[in-house]
Amino acid sequence: MLGFTSSGNVGVQSWNSNSVSITGPVVTTNVWTHLAVTYEPSYGLRLYVNGAQYGSASGSYTYQAAGTPVSLLLGSSLSGLGACASGVITMGQYNGYIDEFELYSRELSAANVYSLANP
């Protein structure tokens, strides 16, 4: 999950039995910022800001919904569903623009992310 902390920093977290999170920078208002998050079991969670790796967090994570339909929500607070109830990301609606959202079935390399952020 990608969102913002109560201090306005970019926050990334995933959880199953263990919570794994990264707190990124505060992004500048009214300036386009490229954000990318990757996950691979051997390397963990990675956050990229404008094509450069900002942070990483390792941890075992098993995707329990594999093979079943799931919902993808953009800009939703997920209020009432228990999401964001604990962890680095605060609940609330996202008020801004999202451009060129992409979802891949594999982990992107650092070079892939850099190319997407710097076309």
N, C-alpha and C. Protein backbone atom coordinates (compact mmCIF):
# COMPACT_ATOMS: atom_id res chain seq x y z
N MET A 1 0.84 -1.16 0.00
CA MET A 1 0.00 0.00 0.00
C MET A 1 0.89 1.23 0.00
N LEU A 2 0.54 2.20 -0.81
CA LEU A 2 1.29 3.45 -0.92
C LEU A 2 0.38 4.57 -0.45
N GLY A 3 0.88 5.43 0.41
CA GLY A 3 0.07 6.53 0.93
C GLY A 3 0.96 7.57 1.58
N PHE A 4 0.41 8.25 2.57
CA PHE A 4 1.15 9.30 3.26
C PHE A 4 1.07 9.10 4.76
N THR A 5 2.14 9.49 5.45
CA THR A 5 2.16 9.45 6.91
C THR A 5 1.46 10.69 7.46
N SER A 6 1.26 10.73 8.76
CA SER A 6 0.64 11.90 9.38
C SER A 6 1.51 13.14 9.25
N SER A 7 2.80 12.97 8.98
CA SER A 7 3.72 14.09 8.79
C SER A 7 3.82 14.52 7.33
N GLY A 8 3.12 13.82 6.43
CA GLY A 8 3.14 14.16 5.02
C GLY A 8 4.21 13.45 4.21
N ASN A 9 4.93 12.52 4.83
CA ASN A 9 5.93 11.74 4.10
C ASN A 9 5.23 10.67 3.27
N VAL A 10 5.86 10.27 2.18
CA VAL A 10 5.38 9.11 1.44
C VAL A 10 5.58 7.90 2.34
N GLY A 11 4.61 7.03 2.37
CA GLY A 11 4.71 5.82 3.18
C GLY A 11 4.34 4.61 2.36
N VAL A 12 5.05 3.52 2.57
CA VAL A 12 4.77 2.26 1.89
C VAL A 12 4.68 1.19 2.96
N GLN A 13 3.68 0.35 2.89
CA GLN A 13 3.62 -0.76 3.83
C GLN A 13 2.91 -1.95 3.21
N SER A 14 3.30 -3.11 3.66
CA SER A 14 2.60 -4.34 3.31
C SER A 14 2.53 -5.13 4.60
N TRP A 15 1.58 -5.98 4.68
CA TRP A 15 1.47 -6.77 5.89
C TRP A 15 0.74 -8.06 5.60
N ASN A 16 1.06 -9.01 6.42
CA ASN A 16 0.39 -10.29 6.45
C ASN A 16 0.46 -10.68 7.91
N SER A 17 1.38 -11.52 8.28
CA SER A 17 1.60 -11.78 9.70
C SER A 17 2.60 -10.77 10.26
N ASN A 18 3.42 -10.19 9.39
CA ASN A 18 4.39 -9.18 9.79
C ASN A 18 4.18 -7.92 8.97
N SER A 19 4.27 -6.77 9.61
CA SER A 19 4.17 -5.51 8.89
C SER A 19 5.55 -5.10 8.40
N VAL A 20 5.64 -4.71 7.16
CA VAL A 20 6.89 -4.23 6.56
C VAL A 20 6.58 -2.84 6.02
N SER A 21 7.40 -1.85 6.40
CA SER A 21 7.10 -0.49 5.94
C SER A 21 8.36 0.31 5.66
N ILE A 22 8.19 1.35 4.83
CA ILE A 22 9.25 2.30 4.50
C ILE A 22 8.63 3.69 4.60
N THR A 23 9.31 4.60 5.28
CA THR A 23 8.88 5.99 5.30
C THR A 23 9.80 6.76 4.38
N GLY A 24 9.22 7.39 3.37
CA GLY A 24 9.99 8.13 2.38
C GLY A 24 10.01 9.62 2.68
N PRO A 25 10.34 10.41 1.69
CA PRO A 25 10.44 11.86 1.88
C PRO A 25 9.07 12.54 1.84
N VAL A 26 9.04 13.79 2.23
CA VAL A 26 7.88 14.64 1.98
C VAL A 26 8.00 15.10 0.53
N VAL A 27 6.96 14.92 -0.25
CA VAL A 27 7.02 15.36 -1.65
C VAL A 27 6.54 16.80 -1.74
N THR A 28 7.13 17.55 -2.65
CA THR A 28 6.82 18.96 -2.83
C THR A 28 5.45 19.12 -3.48
N THR A 29 4.62 19.98 -2.91
CA THR A 29 3.30 20.27 -3.45
C THR A 29 3.43 20.95 -4.81
N ASN A 30 2.55 20.58 -5.73
CA ASN A 30 2.49 21.15 -7.08
C ASN A 30 3.72 20.84 -7.94
N VAL A 31 4.43 19.79 -7.62
CA VAL A 31 5.56 19.32 -8.43
C VAL A 31 5.33 17.84 -8.70
N TRP A 32 5.35 17.44 -9.98
CA TRP A 32 5.17 16.03 -10.31
C TRP A 32 6.30 15.22 -9.71
N THR A 33 5.95 14.13 -9.06
CA THR A 33 6.93 13.24 -8.45
C THR A 33 6.62 11.82 -8.90
N HIS A 34 7.63 11.11 -9.38
CA HIS A 34 7.45 9.72 -9.80
C HIS A 34 7.72 8.83 -8.59
N LEU A 35 6.75 8.00 -8.23
CA LEU A 35 6.89 7.06 -7.13
C LEU A 35 6.73 5.65 -7.67
N ALA A 36 7.57 4.74 -7.22
CA ALA A 36 7.45 3.34 -7.61
C ALA A 36 7.72 2.48 -6.38
N VAL A 37 6.99 1.40 -6.28
CA VAL A 37 7.17 0.43 -5.20
C VAL A 37 7.32 -0.93 -5.85
N THR A 38 8.32 -1.68 -5.43
CA THR A 38 8.50 -3.04 -5.92
C THR A 38 8.58 -4.00 -4.74
N TYR A 39 8.26 -5.25 -5.00
CA TYR A 39 8.40 -6.28 -3.97
C TYR A 39 8.86 -7.57 -4.63
N GLU A 40 9.79 -8.22 -3.99
CA GLU A 40 10.28 -9.53 -4.42
C GLU A 40 10.67 -10.25 -3.14
N PRO A 41 10.22 -11.49 -2.94
CA PRO A 41 10.47 -12.18 -1.68
C PRO A 41 11.93 -12.21 -1.23
N SER A 42 12.87 -12.34 -2.16
CA SER A 42 14.28 -12.42 -1.78
C SER A 42 14.86 -11.08 -1.34
N TYR A 43 14.31 -9.98 -1.87
CA TYR A 43 14.88 -8.65 -1.61
C TYR A 43 13.97 -7.76 -0.78
N GLY A 44 12.70 -8.08 -0.69
CA GLY A 44 11.78 -7.29 0.11
C GLY A 44 11.12 -6.16 -0.66
N LEU A 45 10.65 -5.20 0.09
CA LEU A 45 9.93 -4.04 -0.42
C LEU A 45 10.92 -2.93 -0.73
N ARG A 46 10.73 -2.24 -1.85
CA ARG A 46 11.62 -1.13 -2.23
C ARG A 46 10.78 0.06 -2.66
N LEU A 47 11.21 1.25 -2.24
CA LEU A 47 10.56 2.50 -2.63
C LEU A 47 11.53 3.30 -3.48
N TYR A 48 11.05 3.76 -4.63
CA TYR A 48 11.84 4.60 -5.53
C TYR A 48 11.14 5.96 -5.64
N VAL A 49 11.92 7.03 -5.60
CA VAL A 49 11.41 8.39 -5.76
C VAL A 49 12.17 9.03 -6.91
N ASN A 50 11.45 9.42 -7.95
CA ASN A 50 12.04 10.02 -9.16
C ASN A 50 13.17 9.16 -9.74
N GLY A 51 12.97 7.85 -9.71
CA GLY A 51 13.90 6.92 -10.35
C GLY A 51 15.04 6.42 -9.49
N ALA A 52 15.21 6.98 -8.29
CA ALA A 52 16.29 6.55 -7.40
C ALA A 52 15.71 5.79 -6.21
N GLN A 53 16.38 4.69 -5.83
CA GLN A 53 15.90 3.93 -4.68
C GLN A 53 16.05 4.77 -3.43
N TYR A 54 14.95 4.94 -2.70
CA TYR A 54 14.95 5.74 -1.49
C TYR A 54 15.14 4.88 -0.25
N GLY A 55 14.54 3.70 -0.25
CA GLY A 55 14.65 2.83 0.92
C GLY A 55 14.18 1.43 0.59
N SER A 56 14.44 0.53 1.53
CA SER A 56 14.00 -0.85 1.37
C SER A 56 13.72 -1.44 2.74
N ALA A 57 12.93 -2.49 2.75
CA ALA A 57 12.62 -3.20 3.99
C ALA A 57 12.43 -4.66 3.64
N SER A 58 13.09 -5.52 4.37
CA SER A 58 12.95 -6.95 4.09
C SER A 58 11.95 -7.54 5.06
N GLY A 59 11.37 -8.60 4.64
CA GLY A 59 10.41 -9.30 5.47
C GLY A 59 9.68 -10.33 4.65
N SER A 60 9.28 -11.38 5.29
CA SER A 60 8.55 -12.43 4.61
C SER A 60 7.10 -12.02 4.45
N TYR A 61 6.58 -12.17 3.26
CA TYR A 61 5.21 -11.78 2.99
C TYR A 61 4.60 -12.80 2.04
N THR A 62 3.50 -13.37 2.43
CA THR A 62 2.78 -14.31 1.58
C THR A 62 1.47 -13.66 1.17
N TYR A 63 1.24 -13.58 -0.11
CA TYR A 63 0.03 -12.95 -0.62
C TYR A 63 -1.11 -13.95 -0.48
N GLN A 64 -1.96 -13.75 0.51
CA GLN A 64 -3.01 -14.71 0.83
C GLN A 64 -4.14 -14.74 -0.19
N ALA A 65 -4.30 -13.68 -0.97
CA ALA A 65 -5.41 -13.64 -1.93
C ALA A 65 -5.02 -14.19 -3.29
N ALA A 66 -3.84 -14.77 -3.41
CA ALA A 66 -3.39 -15.30 -4.70
C ALA A 66 -4.43 -16.26 -5.26
N GLY A 67 -4.80 -16.03 -6.52
CA GLY A 67 -5.75 -16.92 -7.18
C GLY A 67 -7.20 -16.53 -6.97
N THR A 68 -7.45 -15.48 -6.19
CA THR A 68 -8.82 -15.02 -5.99
C THR A 68 -8.94 -13.57 -6.44
N PRO A 69 -10.12 -13.15 -6.88
CA PRO A 69 -10.29 -11.75 -7.30
C PRO A 69 -10.11 -10.80 -6.11
N VAL A 70 -9.44 -9.69 -6.36
CA VAL A 70 -9.26 -8.66 -5.34
C VAL A 70 -9.57 -7.30 -5.97
N SER A 71 -9.78 -6.31 -5.15
CA SER A 71 -10.05 -4.95 -5.64
C SER A 71 -8.80 -4.11 -5.58
N LEU A 72 -8.64 -3.25 -6.55
CA LEU A 72 -7.56 -2.27 -6.57
C LEU A 72 -8.23 -0.91 -6.47
N LEU A 73 -7.91 -0.17 -5.42
CA LEU A 73 -8.51 1.14 -5.20
C LEU A 73 -7.45 2.21 -5.28
N LEU A 74 -7.72 3.27 -6.02
CA LEU A 74 -6.80 4.40 -6.12
C LEU A 74 -7.47 5.61 -5.49
N GLY A 75 -6.78 6.24 -4.54
CA GLY A 75 -7.29 7.45 -3.92
C GLY A 75 -8.33 7.22 -2.85
N SER A 76 -8.55 5.97 -2.45
CA SER A 76 -9.56 5.65 -1.44
C SER A 76 -8.93 5.54 -0.07
N SER A 77 -9.69 5.90 0.93
CA SER A 77 -9.19 5.81 2.30
C SER A 77 -9.32 4.41 2.86
N LEU A 78 -10.09 3.56 2.23
CA LEU A 78 -10.39 2.21 2.72
C LEU A 78 -11.00 2.24 4.11
N SER A 79 -11.59 3.36 4.47
CA SER A 79 -12.18 3.54 5.79
C SER A 79 -13.22 2.46 6.05
N GLY A 80 -13.16 1.89 7.23
CA GLY A 80 -14.12 0.87 7.62
C GLY A 80 -13.72 -0.53 7.23
N LEU A 81 -12.64 -0.67 6.46
CA LEU A 81 -12.20 -2.00 6.04
C LEU A 81 -11.02 -2.49 6.87
N GLY A 82 -10.58 -1.69 7.84
CA GLY A 82 -9.47 -2.09 8.68
C GLY A 82 -8.12 -1.74 8.11
N ALA A 83 -8.05 -1.33 6.85
CA ALA A 83 -6.78 -0.97 6.24
C ALA A 83 -6.28 0.33 6.85
N CYS A 84 -5.00 0.45 6.99
CA CYS A 84 -4.36 1.65 7.54
C CYS A 84 -4.71 1.88 8.99
N ALA A 85 -5.33 0.92 9.64
CA ALA A 85 -5.67 1.10 11.05
C ALA A 85 -4.41 1.13 11.91
N SER A 86 -3.36 0.50 11.43
CA SER A 86 -2.08 0.56 12.12
C SER A 86 -1.00 0.59 11.06
N GLY A 87 0.12 1.15 11.40
CA GLY A 87 1.22 1.24 10.44
C GLY A 87 1.54 2.69 10.13
N VAL A 88 2.39 2.89 9.14
CA VAL A 88 2.89 4.23 8.84
C VAL A 88 1.90 5.09 8.06
N ILE A 89 0.98 4.50 7.34
CA ILE A 89 0.06 5.25 6.48
C ILE A 89 -1.19 5.65 7.27
N THR A 90 -1.58 6.91 7.16
CA THR A 90 -2.78 7.39 7.85
C THR A 90 -4.00 7.24 6.95
N MET A 91 -5.16 7.12 7.58
CA MET A 91 -6.40 7.01 6.81
C MET A 91 -6.81 8.38 6.30
N GLY A 92 -7.46 8.42 5.17
CA GLY A 92 -7.96 9.66 4.61
C GLY A 92 -7.95 9.60 3.09
N GLN A 93 -8.77 10.41 2.48
CA GLN A 93 -8.84 10.47 1.03
C GLN A 93 -7.60 11.14 0.46
N TYR A 94 -7.14 10.69 -0.69
CA TYR A 94 -6.04 11.33 -1.41
C TYR A 94 -6.65 12.44 -2.25
N ASN A 95 -6.12 13.64 -2.15
CA ASN A 95 -6.61 14.78 -2.91
C ASN A 95 -5.48 15.28 -3.79
N GLY A 96 -5.44 14.84 -5.02
CA GLY A 96 -4.37 15.22 -5.93
C GLY A 96 -4.56 14.50 -7.25
N TYR A 97 -3.53 14.47 -8.05
CA TYR A 97 -3.58 13.84 -9.36
C TYR A 97 -2.69 12.60 -9.39
N ILE A 98 -3.12 11.61 -10.13
CA ILE A 98 -2.33 10.41 -10.39
C ILE A 98 -2.27 10.28 -11.91
N ASP A 99 -1.08 10.15 -12.44
CA ASP A 99 -0.91 10.05 -13.89
C ASP A 99 -0.08 8.81 -14.19
N GLU A 100 -0.48 8.06 -15.19
CA GLU A 100 0.27 6.90 -15.67
C GLU A 100 0.48 5.84 -14.59
N PHE A 101 -0.59 5.42 -13.94
CA PHE A 101 -0.51 4.31 -12.99
C PHE A 101 -0.25 3.03 -13.76
N GLU A 102 0.72 2.24 -13.32
CA GLU A 102 1.03 0.96 -13.97
C GLU A 102 1.22 -0.11 -12.90
N LEU A 103 0.77 -1.31 -13.20
CA LEU A 103 0.89 -2.45 -12.31
C LEU A 103 1.51 -3.59 -13.11
N TYR A 104 2.55 -4.19 -12.58
CA TYR A 104 3.27 -5.25 -13.29
C TYR A 104 3.15 -6.57 -12.54
N SER A 105 3.28 -7.67 -13.25
CA SER A 105 3.21 -9.00 -12.65
C SER A 105 4.60 -9.50 -12.23
N ARG A 106 5.58 -8.63 -12.28
CA ARG A 106 6.95 -8.98 -11.90
C ARG A 106 7.58 -7.78 -11.22
N GLU A 107 8.67 -8.02 -10.51
CA GLU A 107 9.40 -6.91 -9.91
C GLU A 107 10.20 -6.18 -10.99
N LEU A 108 10.10 -4.87 -11.02
CA LEU A 108 10.92 -4.08 -11.94
C LEU A 108 12.31 -3.92 -11.35
N SER A 109 13.31 -3.90 -12.22
CA SER A 109 14.68 -3.65 -11.78
C SER A 109 14.85 -2.16 -11.52
N ALA A 110 15.95 -1.79 -10.87
CA ALA A 110 16.25 -0.38 -10.64
C ALA A 110 16.37 0.36 -11.97
N ALA A 111 16.95 -0.29 -12.98
CA ALA A 111 17.09 0.33 -14.31
C ALA A 111 15.72 0.54 -14.95
N ASN A 112 14.80 -0.43 -14.79
CA ASN A 112 13.43 -0.28 -15.31
C ASN A 112 12.74 0.93 -14.68
N VAL A 113 12.85 1.04 -13.36
CA VAL A 113 12.21 2.15 -12.64
C VAL A 113 12.81 3.48 -13.07
N TYR A 114 14.12 3.53 -13.20
CA TYR A 114 14.79 4.76 -13.63
C TYR A 114 14.30 5.20 -15.02
N SER A 115 14.17 4.23 -15.92
CA SER A 115 13.70 4.53 -17.28
C SER A 115 12.27 5.06 -17.28
N LEU A 116 11.42 4.52 -16.42
CA LEU A 116 10.04 5.01 -16.34
C LEU A 116 9.98 6.43 -15.77
N ALA A 117 10.84 6.71 -14.82
CA ALA A 117 10.84 8.03 -14.18
C ALA A 117 11.51 9.10 -15.03
N ASN A 118 12.39 8.67 -15.93
CA ASN A 118 13.16 9.60 -16.77
C ASN A 118 13.07 9.19 -18.23
N PRO A 119 11.87 9.35 -18.84
CA PRO A 119 11.69 8.87 -20.22
C PRO A 119 12.51 9.67 -21.23
